[in-house]
Protein backbone atom coordinates (compact mmCIF):
# COMPACT_ATOMS: atom_id res chain seq x y z
CA MET A 1 0.00 0.00 0.00
CA LYS A 2 1.34 3.38 -1.01
CA LYS A 3 1.70 5.61 2.00
CA GLY A 4 0.93 9.31 2.07
CA SER A 5 2.07 12.15 4.22
CA LEU A 6 0.08 13.01 7.32
CA THR A 7 1.44 16.55 7.20
CA SER A 8 0.24 16.98 3.61
CA THR A 9 -3.19 15.60 4.50
CA ILE A 10 -3.59 17.90 7.48
CA LEU A 11 -2.28 20.81 5.42
CA GLY A 12 -4.80 19.96 2.70
CA LEU A 13 -7.65 19.97 5.21
CA MET A 14 -6.50 23.28 6.63
CA LEU A 15 -6.15 24.79 3.18
CA THR A 16 -9.64 23.55 2.29
CA LEU A 17 -11.05 25.21 5.39
CA ILE A 18 -9.13 28.38 4.59
CA LEU A 19 -10.30 28.37 0.97
CA VAL A 20 -13.93 27.75 1.94
CA SER A 21 -13.88 30.47 4.58
CA SER A 22 -12.04 32.80 2.21
CA GLY A 23 -14.55 32.05 -0.56
CA LEU A 24 -17.44 32.77 1.76
CA ALA A 25 -15.89 36.01 2.87
CA THR A 26 -15.10 37.02 -0.70
CA PHE A 27 -18.60 36.16 -1.85
CA ALA A 28 -20.10 38.13 1.03
CA ILE A 29 -17.92 41.15 0.26
CA ILE A 30 -18.83 41.04 -3.42
CA ASN A 31 -22.49 40.60 -2.59
CA LEU A 32 -22.36 43.48 -0.16
CA SER A 33 -20.54 45.65 -2.69
CA TYR A 34 -23.34 45.03 -5.18
CA SER A 35 -25.93 45.69 -2.51
CA LEU A 36 -24.54 49.04 -1.42
CA GLY A 37 -26.62 51.04 -4.04
CA ASP A 38 -29.87 49.13 -3.58
CA ALA A 39 -31.21 51.54 -0.97
CA ARG A 40 -30.29 54.55 -3.06
CA ALA A 41 -31.91 52.92 -6.11
CA ILE A 42 -35.12 52.37 -4.14
CA ASN A 43 -35.01 55.95 -2.88
CA ALA A 44 -34.38 57.23 -6.39
CA SER A 45 -37.26 55.19 -7.77
CA GLY A 46 -39.53 56.54 -5.06
CA SER A 47 -38.41 60.10 -5.77
CA LEU A 48 -39.41 59.61 -9.42
CA ARG A 49 -43.00 59.20 -8.32
CA MET A 50 -42.85 62.38 -6.29
CA GLN A 51 -41.16 64.28 -9.11
CA SER A 52 -43.85 63.06 -11.55
CA TYR A 53 -46.55 64.62 -9.39
CA ARG A 54 -44.51 67.79 -9.03
CA LEU A 55 -44.21 68.05 -12.81
CA MET A 56 -47.98 67.78 -13.08
CA LEU A 57 -48.40 70.44 -10.38
CA ASN A 58 -45.75 72.63 -11.98
CA GLN A 59 -47.58 72.57 -15.29
CA ASN A 60 -50.70 73.95 -13.64
CA THR A 61 -48.99 76.65 -11.56
CA ASN A 62 -45.52 77.64 -12.71
CA ARG A 63 -44.34 76.63 -16.09
CA GLU A 64 -41.16 78.73 -16.06
CA ASP A 65 -39.08 76.12 -14.18
CA THR A 66 -40.59 73.10 -15.98
CA MET A 67 -37.38 72.41 -17.87
CA GLU A 68 -35.48 72.60 -14.63
CA LYS A 69 -37.83 70.02 -13.12
CA ILE A 70 -37.50 67.86 -16.23
CA GLU A 71 -33.70 67.97 -15.94
CA GLU A 72 -33.95 67.09 -12.26
CA PHE A 73 -36.27 64.19 -13.09
CA GLU A 74 -33.99 62.87 -15.82
CA LYS A 75 -30.98 63.32 -13.57
CA THR A 76 -32.64 61.00 -11.10
CA LEU A 77 -33.91 58.66 -13.82
CA TYR A 78 -30.48 58.32 -15.40
CA SER A 79 -28.53 58.30 -12.16
CA ASP A 80 -25.92 55.63 -11.53
CA ASP A 81 -28.05 54.08 -8.84
CA LEU A 82 -30.85 53.35 -11.34
CA LYS A 83 -28.60 52.66 -14.31
CA ARG A 84 -27.23 49.69 -12.37
CA SER A 85 -30.45 48.01 -13.46
CA LEU A 86 -28.83 47.66 -16.87
CA ASP A 87 -25.75 45.74 -15.58
CA TRP A 88 -25.16 42.21 -16.77
CA GLU A 89 -25.91 40.61 -13.43
CA THR A 90 -29.23 42.45 -13.07
CA PRO A 91 -32.33 40.32 -13.61
CA ALA A 92 -33.96 40.74 -17.02
CA LYS A 93 -37.27 41.65 -15.45
CA LEU A 94 -35.75 44.57 -13.55
CA GLU A 95 -33.88 45.71 -16.64
CA ALA A 96 -37.06 45.54 -18.74
CA GLN A 97 -39.02 47.45 -16.13
CA TYR A 98 -36.35 50.19 -16.01
CA LEU A 99 -36.37 50.46 -19.78
CA LEU A 100 -40.17 50.62 -19.69
CA VAL A 101 -39.98 53.50 -17.21
CA ILE A 102 -37.58 55.31 -19.54
CA HIS A 103 -39.85 54.70 -22.50
CA LYS A 104 -42.96 55.96 -20.72
CA TRP A 105 -40.97 58.91 -19.42
CA LYS A 106 -40.22 59.92 -22.95
CA VAL A 107 -43.96 59.84 -23.70
CA MET A 108 -44.69 61.80 -20.55
CA ARG A 109 -41.99 64.35 -21.48
CA SER A 110 -43.56 64.76 -24.91
CA TYR A 111 -46.84 65.63 -23.17
CA ILE A 112 -45.03 68.17 -21.08
CA GLU A 113 -43.26 69.66 -24.02
CA ALA A 114 -46.57 69.76 -25.96
CA GLU A 115 -48.03 71.58 -22.98
CA ASN A 116 -50.83 69.13 -22.77
CA PRO A 117 -51.47 68.67 -19.08
CA PRO A 118 -54.68 66.66 -19.49
CA LEU A 119 -52.86 63.90 -21.39
CA TYR A 120 -50.03 64.04 -18.86
CA ALA A 121 -52.50 63.74 -16.01
CA ALA A 122 -54.32 60.91 -17.74
CA ALA A 123 -51.05 58.97 -18.29
CA LEU A 124 -49.60 59.85 -14.89
CA LYS A 125 -51.26 57.03 -13.00
CA ASP A 126 -50.01 54.42 -15.42
CA PHE A 127 -46.52 55.98 -15.30
CA VAL A 128 -46.50 56.00 -11.52
CA ASP A 129 -47.63 52.38 -11.49
CA THR A 130 -44.74 51.53 -13.80
CA ILE A 131 -42.37 53.34 -11.43
CA ASP A 132 -43.90 51.42 -8.52
CA LEU A 133 -43.20 48.22 -10.35
CA LEU A 134 -39.57 49.32 -10.82
CA VAL A 135 -39.32 50.03 -7.11
CA LEU A 136 -40.83 46.64 -6.40
CA GLU A 137 -38.44 44.87 -8.76
CA THR A 138 -35.54 46.73 -7.21
CA GLU A 139 -36.67 45.64 -3.76
CA HIS A 140 -37.05 42.07 -4.97
CA TYR A 141 -33.58 42.17 -6.44
CA ALA A 142 -32.11 43.52 -3.21
CA ALA A 143 -34.01 40.92 -1.20
CA PHE A 144 -32.75 38.24 -3.59
CA LYS A 145 -29.16 39.27 -3.00
CA LEU A 146 -29.69 39.23 0.75
CA LYS A 147 -31.24 35.78 0.54
CA LEU A 148 -28.41 34.64 -1.70
CA LEU A 149 -25.91 35.98 0.81
CA ALA A 150 -27.73 34.23 3.67
CA VAL A 151 -28.00 30.96 1.74
CA SER A 152 -24.35 31.13 0.72
CA GLN A 153 -23.32 31.77 4.30
CA ILE A 154 -25.44 28.87 5.54
CA ILE A 155 -24.06 26.59 2.84
CA GLY A 156 -20.53 27.78 3.51
CA LEU A 157 -20.85 27.36 7.24
CA SER A 158 -22.38 23.92 6.73
CA LEU A 159 -19.52 23.00 4.43
CA MET A 160 -16.99 24.28 6.92
CA LEU A 161 -18.67 22.35 9.72
CA PHE A 162 -18.70 19.25 7.54
CA ILE A 163 -15.04 19.68 6.71
CA ALA A 164 -14.29 20.32 10.38
CA PHE A 165 -16.23 17.17 11.30
CA LEU A 166 -14.28 15.19 8.73
CA ALA A 167 -11.04 16.70 10.05
CA VAL A 168 -11.91 15.79 13.65
CA ARG A 169 -13.02 12.31 12.64
CA PHE A 170 -9.92 11.88 10.52
CA THR A 171 -7.68 13.13 13.33
CA LYS A 172 -9.35 10.84 15.84
CA ARG A 173 -9.17 7.75 13.67
CA ARG A 174 -5.92 8.30 11.83
CA VAL A 175 -3.87 10.27 14.35
CA VAL A 176 -5.30 10.10 17.87
CA ALA A 177 -6.06 6.35 17.77
CA PRO A 178 -2.54 5.35 16.59
CA LEU A 179 -0.96 7.73 19.10
CA LYS A 180 -3.16 6.29 21.85
CA GLN A 181 -2.12 2.78 20.83
CA LEU A 182 1.51 3.90 20.91
CA MET A 183 0.97 5.24 24.43
CA GLU A 184 -0.60 1.95 25.51
CA SER A 185 2.34 0.10 23.96
CA ALA A 186 4.71 2.39 25.84
CA ASN A 187 2.89 1.63 29.11
CA THR A 188 3.03 -2.08 28.33
CA ILE A 189 6.76 -1.86 27.64
CA SER A 190 7.28 0.11 30.87
CA LYS A 191 5.81 -2.90 32.74
CA GLY A 192 8.41 -5.22 31.22
CA ASN A 193 6.29 -6.74 28.46
CA PHE A 194 8.02 -6.10 25.15
CA ASP A 195 5.72 -8.25 23.01
CA VAL A 196 3.51 -5.39 21.81
CA GLU A 197 1.73 -4.74 18.51
CA MET A 198 2.34 -1.39 16.89
CA PRO A 199 -0.47 0.44 15.03
CA LYS A 200 -0.64 0.10 11.27
CA THR A 201 -1.15 3.34 9.38
CA GLU A 202 -0.88 4.59 5.82
CA TYR A 203 0.95 7.77 6.77
CA ILE A 204 4.69 8.09 6.53
CA GLU A 205 5.20 10.03 9.76
CA LEU A 206 3.18 7.68 11.97
CA SER A 207 4.61 4.65 10.18
CA ALA A 208 8.13 5.95 10.81
CA LEU A 209 7.26 6.58 14.46
CA SER A 210 5.71 3.11 14.80
CA SER A 211 8.67 1.48 13.07
CA ALA A 212 11.16 3.34 15.27
CA PHE A 213 9.16 2.47 18.38
CA GLU A 214 8.84 -1.16 17.31
CA SER A 215 12.53 -1.51 16.48
CA THR A 216 13.40 0.12 19.82
CA ALA A 217 11.05 -2.25 21.63
CA LYS A 218 12.61 -5.22 19.82
CA GLU A 219 16.12 -4.05 20.65
CA ILE A 220 15.14 -3.50 24.29
CA SER A 221 13.41 -6.89 24.31
CA THR A 222 16.51 -8.54 22.84
CA LEU A 223 18.72 -6.74 25.33
CA TYR A 224 16.35 -7.63 28.17
CA ARG A 225 16.30 -11.29 27.12
CA ASP A 226 20.08 -11.26 26.84
CA LEU A 227 20.33 -9.76 30.31
CA GLU A 228 17.83 -12.27 31.64
CA GLY A 229 19.77 -15.04 29.93
CA GLN A 230 23.02 -13.74 31.39
CA VAL A 231 21.46 -13.49 34.84
CA LYS A 232 20.08 -17.00 34.44
CA ASP A 233 23.42 -18.31 33.19
CA LYS A 234 25.24 -16.56 36.04
CA THR A 235 22.74 -17.95 38.53
CA LEU A 236 23.15 -21.45 37.08
CA ALA A 237 26.91 -21.03 37.08
CA LEU A 238 26.91 -19.84 40.69
CA THR A 239 24.54 -22.65 41.67
CA ARG A 240 26.71 -25.15 39.87
CA SER A 241 29.86 -23.72 41.46
CA ASN A 242 28.19 -23.86 44.87
CA ASN A 243 27.16 -27.47 44.26
CA GLU A 244 30.69 -28.28 43.12
CA LEU A 245 32.17 -26.64 46.21
CA THR A 246 29.69 -28.51 48.37
CA LEU A 247 30.63 -31.76 46.62
CA LEU A 248 34.36 -31.11 47.12
CA TYR A 249 33.81 -30.12 50.74
CA ASP A 250 31.62 -33.15 51.51
CA SER A 251 34.09 -35.46 49.78
CA LEU A 252 37.00 -33.92 51.67
CA VAL A 253 35.18 -34.24 55.01
CA MET A 254 34.24 -37.85 54.21
CA LEU A 255 37.80 -38.79 53.23
CA HIS A 256 39.31 -37.15 56.31
CA SER A 257 36.69 -38.41 58.77
CA ARG A 258 37.42 -42.08 58.15
CA LYS A 259 40.24 -44.32 57.04
CA LEU A 260 41.35 -43.71 53.49
CA GLU A 261 40.54 -47.06 51.92
CA ILE A 262 39.03 -48.35 48.71
CA SER A 263 35.47 -48.07 49.98
CA SER A 264 35.91 -44.40 50.93
CA LEU A 265 37.57 -43.56 47.62
CA LYS A 266 34.75 -45.32 45.76
CA ALA A 267 32.17 -43.44 47.85
CA ALA A 268 33.84 -40.17 46.81
CA LEU A 269 33.76 -41.25 43.16
CA ASN A 270 30.07 -42.14 43.49
CA GLN A 271 29.34 -38.69 44.89
CA LEU A 272 31.10 -37.17 41.89
CA ARG A 273 29.19 -39.51 39.55
CA THR A 274 25.91 -38.39 41.14
CA HIS A 275 26.87 -34.78 40.37
CA GLU A 276 27.95 -35.70 36.80
CA PRO A 277 25.56 -38.55 35.86
CA ASP A 278 26.54 -38.57 32.17
CA THR A 279 30.20 -39.22 32.90
CA PHE A 280 31.82 -42.58 33.69
CA LEU A 281 34.59 -42.38 36.27
CA ARG A 282 37.42 -44.49 37.51
CA LEU A 283 40.43 -43.84 39.70
CA VAL A 284 43.81 -45.31 38.82
CA ILE A 285 46.36 -45.14 41.65
CA VAL A 286 49.93 -46.08 40.80
CA GLN A 287 53.27 -45.08 42.26
CA ASP A 288 56.71 -46.09 41.05
CA ASN A 289 56.47 -49.71 39.83
CA ASP A 290 53.61 -50.78 42.05
CA GLU A 291 50.59 -52.58 40.69
CA GLU A 292 47.84 -50.23 39.55
CA LEU A 293 44.83 -49.89 41.83
CA VAL A 294 41.72 -49.25 39.70
CA ILE A 295 38.57 -48.06 41.47
CA GLU A 296 35.46 -47.64 39.33
CA ALA A 297 32.42 -45.58 40.24
CA ASP A 298 28.95 -47.11 40.12
CA GLY A 299 27.91 -47.75 36.54
CA GLY A 300 31.13 -49.50 35.56
CA TRP A 301 33.50 -48.51 32.80
CA PRO A 302 32.10 -48.67 29.24
CA GLN A 303 34.08 -50.33 26.49
CA GLN A 304 32.66 -48.26 23.65
CA HIS A 305 34.72 -45.39 22.38
CA ASN A 306 33.88 -42.08 24.01
CA SER A 307 35.76 -38.94 24.81
CA GLN A 308 38.33 -40.02 27.41
CA THR A 309 40.24 -37.58 29.61
CA HIS A 310 42.90 -37.99 32.29
CA PHE A 311 43.25 -35.70 35.29
CA PRO A 312 46.50 -36.35 37.16
CA LEU A 313 46.49 -37.04 40.90
CA LYS A 314 49.27 -34.58 41.57
CA PHE A 315 49.92 -32.62 44.72
CA GLU A 316 53.13 -30.64 45.12
CA SER A 317 55.87 -33.09 44.05
CA TYR A 318 53.75 -36.23 44.47
CA GLU A 319 52.25 -38.01 41.45
CA LEU A 320 49.92 -40.78 42.55
CA GLY A 321 48.05 -41.72 39.36
CA TYR A 322 45.12 -40.14 37.58
CA LEU A 323 41.36 -39.69 37.52
CA GLU A 324 39.96 -40.98 34.25
CA THR A 325 36.65 -39.84 32.75
CA LYS A 326 34.70 -41.01 29.74
CA SER A 327 31.74 -39.10 28.37
CA SER A 328 30.03 -38.28 25.10
CA GLU A 329 29.88 -34.62 26.12
CA GLU A 330 32.43 -32.02 27.06
CA PRO A 331 33.64 -32.82 30.61
CA ASN A 332 33.64 -30.33 33.45
CA TYR A 333 37.40 -29.81 33.41
CA GLN A 334 37.60 -27.50 36.41
CA LEU A 335 35.53 -29.77 38.65
CA PHE A 336 37.44 -32.92 37.71
CA LYS A 337 40.77 -31.14 38.03
CA ASN A 338 39.89 -29.83 41.51
CA PHE A 339 38.52 -33.25 42.50
CA ALA A 340 41.75 -34.92 41.39
CA ILE A 341 43.81 -32.38 43.36
CA MET A 342 41.58 -32.96 46.39
CA LEU A 343 42.05 -36.74 46.12
CA ALA A 344 45.82 -36.39 45.69
CA ARG A 345 45.99 -34.08 48.70
CA SER A 346 43.94 -36.49 50.81
CA ILE A 347 46.11 -39.45 49.78
CA VAL A 348 49.33 -37.54 50.49
CA ILE A 349 48.04 -36.44 53.90
CA TYR A 350 46.91 -39.99 54.65
CA ASN A 351 50.28 -41.38 53.58
CA ALA A 352 52.05 -38.83 55.76
CA THR A 353 49.83 -39.80 58.68
CA GLU A 354 50.49 -43.50 58.06
CA GLN A 355 54.20 -42.81 57.85
CA ARG A 356 54.10 -40.95 61.15
CA GLN A 357 52.21 -43.84 62.71
CA GLN A 358 54.71 -46.34 61.36
CA LEU A 359 57.65 -44.25 62.48
CA ALA A 360 56.08 -43.94 65.92
CA LEU A 361 55.56 -47.70 66.00
CA MET A 362 59.13 -48.32 64.86
CA GLU A 363 60.44 -45.92 67.48
CA GLU A 364 58.42 -47.69 70.15
CA ARG A 365 59.72 -51.08 68.99
CA GLY A 366 63.25 -49.69 68.96
CA VAL A 367 62.83 -48.65 72.58
CA ILE A 368 61.53 -52.15 73.39
CA ALA A 369 64.50 -53.68 71.50
CA ARG A 370 66.96 -51.59 73.48
CA GLU A 371 65.28 -52.60 76.74
CA LEU A 372 65.36 -56.28 75.74
CA HIS A 373 69.01 -55.99 74.74
CA ASP A 374 69.93 -54.27 77.96
CA SER A 375 67.98 -56.70 80.16
CA LEU A 376 67.31 -60.13 78.64
CA GLY A 377 70.37 -59.96 76.39
CA GLN A 378 72.71 -59.39 79.31
CA ILE A 379 70.98 -62.05 81.38
CA LEU A 380 71.27 -64.63 78.59
CA SER A 381 74.91 -63.71 78.05
CA PHE A 382 75.50 -64.10 81.78
CA LEU A 383 73.75 -67.49 81.72
CA LYS A 384 75.88 -68.67 78.79
CA ILE A 385 79.01 -67.71 80.70
CA GLN A 386 77.76 -69.39 83.88
CA VAL A 387 76.84 -72.60 82.00
CA SER A 388 80.28 -72.64 80.39
CA LEU A 389 82.00 -72.08 83.76
CA LEU A 390 79.79 -74.74 85.35
CA SER A 391 80.71 -77.27 82.69
CA LYS A 392 84.42 -76.58 83.11
CA GLY A 393 84.30 -76.49 86.92
CA LEU A 394 82.66 -79.88 87.55
CA ASP A 395 84.86 -82.61 88.98
CA SER A 396 85.20 -85.87 87.14
CA ALA A 397 83.46 -87.56 90.02
CA CYS A 398 80.37 -85.47 89.44
CA ARG A 399 80.26 -86.02 85.72
CA ASN A 400 78.02 -88.71 84.38
CA PRO A 401 75.97 -89.02 81.16
CA GLN A 402 72.83 -87.62 82.76
CA VAL A 403 74.60 -84.49 84.06
CA GLU A 404 76.34 -83.95 80.74
CA HIS A 405 73.01 -84.26 78.93
CA GLN A 406 71.33 -81.75 81.25
CA ILE A 407 74.21 -79.28 80.92
CA SER A 408 74.04 -79.71 77.12
CA GLU A 409 70.29 -79.06 77.07
CA ILE A 410 70.68 -75.98 79.31
CA ASN A 411 73.44 -74.68 77.06
CA GLU A 412 71.38 -75.36 73.93
CA GLY A 413 68.31 -73.72 75.47
CA VAL A 414 70.30 -70.64 76.42
CA ASN A 415 71.86 -70.45 72.95
CA THR A 416 68.45 -70.89 71.30
CA ALA A 417 66.94 -68.19 73.50
CA TYR A 418 69.86 -65.92 72.71
CA VAL A 419 69.51 -66.51 68.93
CA GLN A 420 65.75 -65.91 69.07
CA LEU A 421 66.33 -62.75 71.09
CA ARG A 422 68.79 -61.50 68.45
CA GLU A 423 66.26 -62.29 65.68
CA LEU A 424 63.55 -60.53 67.64
CA LEU A 425 65.79 -57.52 68.10
CA SER A 426 66.55 -57.52 64.36
CA THR A 427 62.81 -57.64 63.63
CA PHE A 428 62.11 -54.80 66.05
CA ARG A 429 64.81 -52.72 64.43
CA LEU A 430 63.26 -52.98 60.94
CA THR A 431 62.72 -49.47 59.59
CA ILE A 432 60.03 -48.22 57.19
CA LYS A 433 60.91 -44.88 55.72
CA ASP A 434 57.67 -44.36 53.79
CA PRO A 435 54.17 -45.89 53.77
CA ASN A 436 55.06 -48.18 50.87
CA LEU A 437 55.11 -51.88 51.67
CA HIS A 438 56.85 -52.69 48.40
CA HIS A 439 59.79 -50.44 49.25
CA ALA A 440 59.94 -51.76 52.82
CA ILE A 441 60.04 -55.43 51.72
CA GLU A 442 62.71 -54.62 49.12
CA ALA A 443 64.82 -52.85 51.75
CA MET A 444 64.45 -55.81 54.12
CA LEU A 445 65.38 -58.33 51.42
CA GLU A 446 68.44 -56.30 50.46
CA GLN A 447 69.72 -56.75 54.02
CA LEU A 448 69.11 -60.52 53.84
CA ARG A 449 70.72 -60.79 50.38
CA SER A 450 73.87 -59.21 51.78
CA GLN A 451 73.95 -61.82 54.58
CA SER A 452 73.23 -64.95 52.49
CA ASP A 453 74.08 -66.60 49.19
CA ALA A 454 70.45 -67.57 48.58
CA LYS A 455 68.75 -66.08 45.52
CA ILE A 456 65.75 -64.10 46.72
CA THR A 457 63.14 -62.72 44.24
CA LEU A 458 60.11 -60.53 44.88
CA ASP A 459 56.96 -60.38 42.75
CA TYR A 460 54.89 -57.53 44.22
CA LYS A 461 51.46 -56.84 42.66
CA LEU A 462 49.54 -55.16 45.45
CA PRO A 463 47.97 -51.75 44.75
CA MET A 464 48.82 -48.79 46.91
CA GLN A 465 46.48 -47.80 49.73
CA LEU A 466 45.33 -51.40 50.00
CA LEU A 467 46.90 -52.15 53.39
CA GLY A 468 46.97 -50.19 56.61
CA ALA A 469 50.03 -49.15 58.58
CA HIS A 470 49.58 -51.88 61.21
CA GLN A 471 49.24 -54.46 58.42
CA HIS A 472 52.50 -53.25 56.84
CA ILE A 473 54.39 -54.07 60.07
CA HIS A 474 52.95 -57.57 60.51
CA VAL A 475 53.35 -58.48 56.83
CA LEU A 476 56.94 -57.23 56.85
CA GLN A 477 57.82 -59.12 60.05
CA LEU A 478 56.13 -62.36 58.97
CA THR A 479 57.79 -62.21 55.54
CA ARG A 480 61.18 -61.58 57.12
CA GLU A 481 60.73 -64.40 59.59
CA ALA A 482 59.66 -66.87 56.90
CA THR A 483 62.57 -65.80 54.65
CA VAL A 484 65.11 -66.01 57.49
CA ASN A 485 63.81 -69.49 58.36
CA ALA A 486 64.16 -70.56 54.72
CA ILE A 487 67.77 -69.28 54.68
CA LYS A 488 69.00 -70.52 58.06
CA HIS A 489 66.96 -73.60 58.83
CA ALA A 490 65.58 -74.90 55.52
CA GLN A 491 68.98 -74.33 53.84
CA ALA A 492 67.20 -72.97 50.73
CA GLU A 493 69.12 -71.73 47.71
CA GLN A 494 66.12 -70.21 45.89
CA ILE A 495 63.43 -68.18 47.63
CA ASN A 496 60.48 -66.63 45.75
CA ILE A 497 58.19 -64.13 47.45
CA ARG A 498 54.86 -63.15 45.85
CA CYS A 499 52.42 -60.48 47.04
CA PHE A 500 49.10 -60.33 45.21
CA LYS A 501 45.32 -59.99 45.59
CA ASP A 502 43.84 -63.44 45.85
CA SER A 503 40.31 -62.05 45.41
CA ASP A 504 38.37 -58.83 45.90
CA SER A 505 38.37 -59.46 49.63
CA HIS A 506 41.71 -61.15 50.41
CA VAL A 507 45.44 -60.60 49.99
CA SER A 508 47.96 -63.45 49.70
CA ILE A 509 51.66 -63.41 50.59
CA THR A 510 53.62 -66.57 49.61
CA ILE A 511 57.23 -67.41 50.52
CA SER A 512 58.33 -70.42 48.50
CA ASP A 513 61.76 -72.11 48.82
CA ASN A 514 63.60 -75.23 47.64
CA GLY A 515 64.84 -76.25 51.10
CA ILE A 516 64.47 -79.30 53.30
CA GLY A 517 60.71 -79.60 52.90
CA VAL A 518 57.52 -79.10 54.81
CA ASP A 519 57.75 -82.32 56.86
CA GLU A 520 60.96 -81.20 58.51
CA VAL A 521 59.38 -77.83 59.18
CA ARG A 522 56.47 -79.41 60.98
CA LYS A 523 58.83 -81.52 63.10
CA ARG A 524 60.72 -78.44 64.18
CA ALA A 525 57.70 -76.16 64.42
CA GLN A 526 58.86 -74.50 67.59
CA HIS A 527 62.35 -73.92 66.22
CA PHE A 528 60.98 -72.43 63.01
CA GLY A 529 58.74 -70.01 64.93
CA ILE A 530 55.52 -71.29 63.38
CA GLY A 531 53.60 -70.31 66.48
CA ILE A 532 54.88 -66.73 66.24
CA MET A 533 53.91 -66.53 62.57
CA GLN A 534 50.44 -67.87 63.32
CA GLU A 535 50.06 -65.27 66.05
CA ARG A 536 51.04 -62.52 63.58
CA ALA A 537 48.52 -63.89 61.04
CA SER A 538 45.78 -63.79 63.65
CA ARG A 539 46.61 -60.15 64.30
CA LEU A 540 45.91 -59.58 60.58
CA SER A 541 42.58 -61.44 60.90
CA GLY A 542 44.08 -64.01 58.53
CA ILE A 543 45.68 -67.46 58.49
CA VAL A 544 49.14 -68.80 57.64
CA ASP A 545 49.52 -72.16 55.92
CA PHE A 546 52.58 -74.39 55.38
CA SER A 547 52.62 -76.69 52.37
CA GLY A 548 55.11 -78.45 50.16
CA ASN A 549 56.22 -77.46 46.67
CA PRO A 550 55.94 -79.99 43.82
CA GLY A 551 59.69 -79.68 43.20
CA GLY A 552 60.57 -79.87 46.86
CA GLY A 553 60.83 -77.29 49.58
CA THR A 554 58.30 -75.38 51.62
CA LYS A 555 55.63 -72.84 50.71
CA VAL A 556 54.39 -70.46 53.40
CA THR A 557 51.08 -68.78 52.46
CA LEU A 558 49.62 -65.84 54.41
CA THR A 559 46.01 -64.94 53.53
CA PHE A 560 44.20 -62.01 55.15
CA PRO A 561 41.62 -59.32 54.31
CA PRO A 562 42.99 -55.84 53.54
CA GLN A 563 42.09 -52.73 55.52
CA GLN A 564 41.03 -54.69 58.61
CA GLU A 565 41.71 -53.64 62.18
CA PRO A 566 43.61 -56.29 64.13
CA ALA A 567 41.49 -58.68 66.15
């Protein structure tokens, strides 16, 4: 639709009103200008009647000034006021009546000039009647012009009122209504509702205003939605960050409020999996050459190819493994990174605590070893000396096979007690420099390798964090005792030590040798310290078993559950 100009339309209406009012005024002025001589014409026509009677009277009384009266009559008859009856706009009837008066006047003048008063008197009534008709026509013409002026004014005023009505109606419908709708739209926008409908109009100015208002409303709406979206995103981000902080805090409290074991690590992973349900998680703990400890969150670990990401368990200079994620979507890097750091920190703190506990235990055992050395060791040494002196100081008369046998048994018992005391002191003086059972067993075996020609091998496949500090001590002591027995008493040349998980709930430690065999071990159970090893196994809530190898020798098997408090 082709649009017009509101300004031009309003200007056209105003010009129309101006032209109509100007036309009415012009017509009224012209009409009035033509009506100015009507009164004089009526007066002049009336004076013609009076002058006609005077001429008749003058003929009877004073004929000397008759010509003067005739000139005065003709001056009135041919005056400009009466000659207007001959103008083009004058009605034909008035013009004819004026000409008839002139014609009859000429006849009447001929009577006067012929000095025939009777004929003049006889024709006077008809002449006066003709003049009366001229006066009447003149009055009718003047009345007609007044009526025409009145009618024209009424028509003009009616036209102006009609135009004014159209202008008001036009303004109300085409200007006021759109502006009112714009105001309502503005009020709607001020209340935060930007989905408003702008008025449609065929005028350029209002269309431009509506378009500008609509584009502004759309821009404000877009900006408002963007701001709402940003606020919503920020709120979601803050909520998510708060949830993540809560998750990290709860996980940290849980890990530090109980023993750091597989169940607690898995519980932490499950909490993380609950927060990130679309992500599969598993924790791989490995240090140095130890066997990897893999802990999976609930839901398992899928085999299908997905986006896989590693987050290292690194805290300060410690690298303990990594947190592995698999998801079809982009992972929450910051959360997983912080969670991995939190786990690494917890493990390092736990290891430090375990190390302090082990060092405290070792220090306590060292104190006990020193006390045993200073007390029982001296007593046994004194007894050995006394037994030796007793044997040398007996007379031959007192010697007999029974006495010699008793002295031999006392000497052997003292020597055995002294050897066992030295082994016990060696066990008590074992040191563990870090909470790593693999390193501790290796350090212990290195000492034994330097004291024996036996070939000792270690196959260690236990994950870190599987055993507690108290379990480290008992496993280390039992392994050392079984290895020492294989070297000294079983006369083994090959000793193989294996540490592995027998099942999800048990750990197995085997010490296998190629020595004298299990039957000899059972015969000399007390000498081999089997009772002591069984007591250590019971402290681990486990059992120790002695069996033979197919190729000869003895196999000592320790089986116990990990992460168990001693019974």
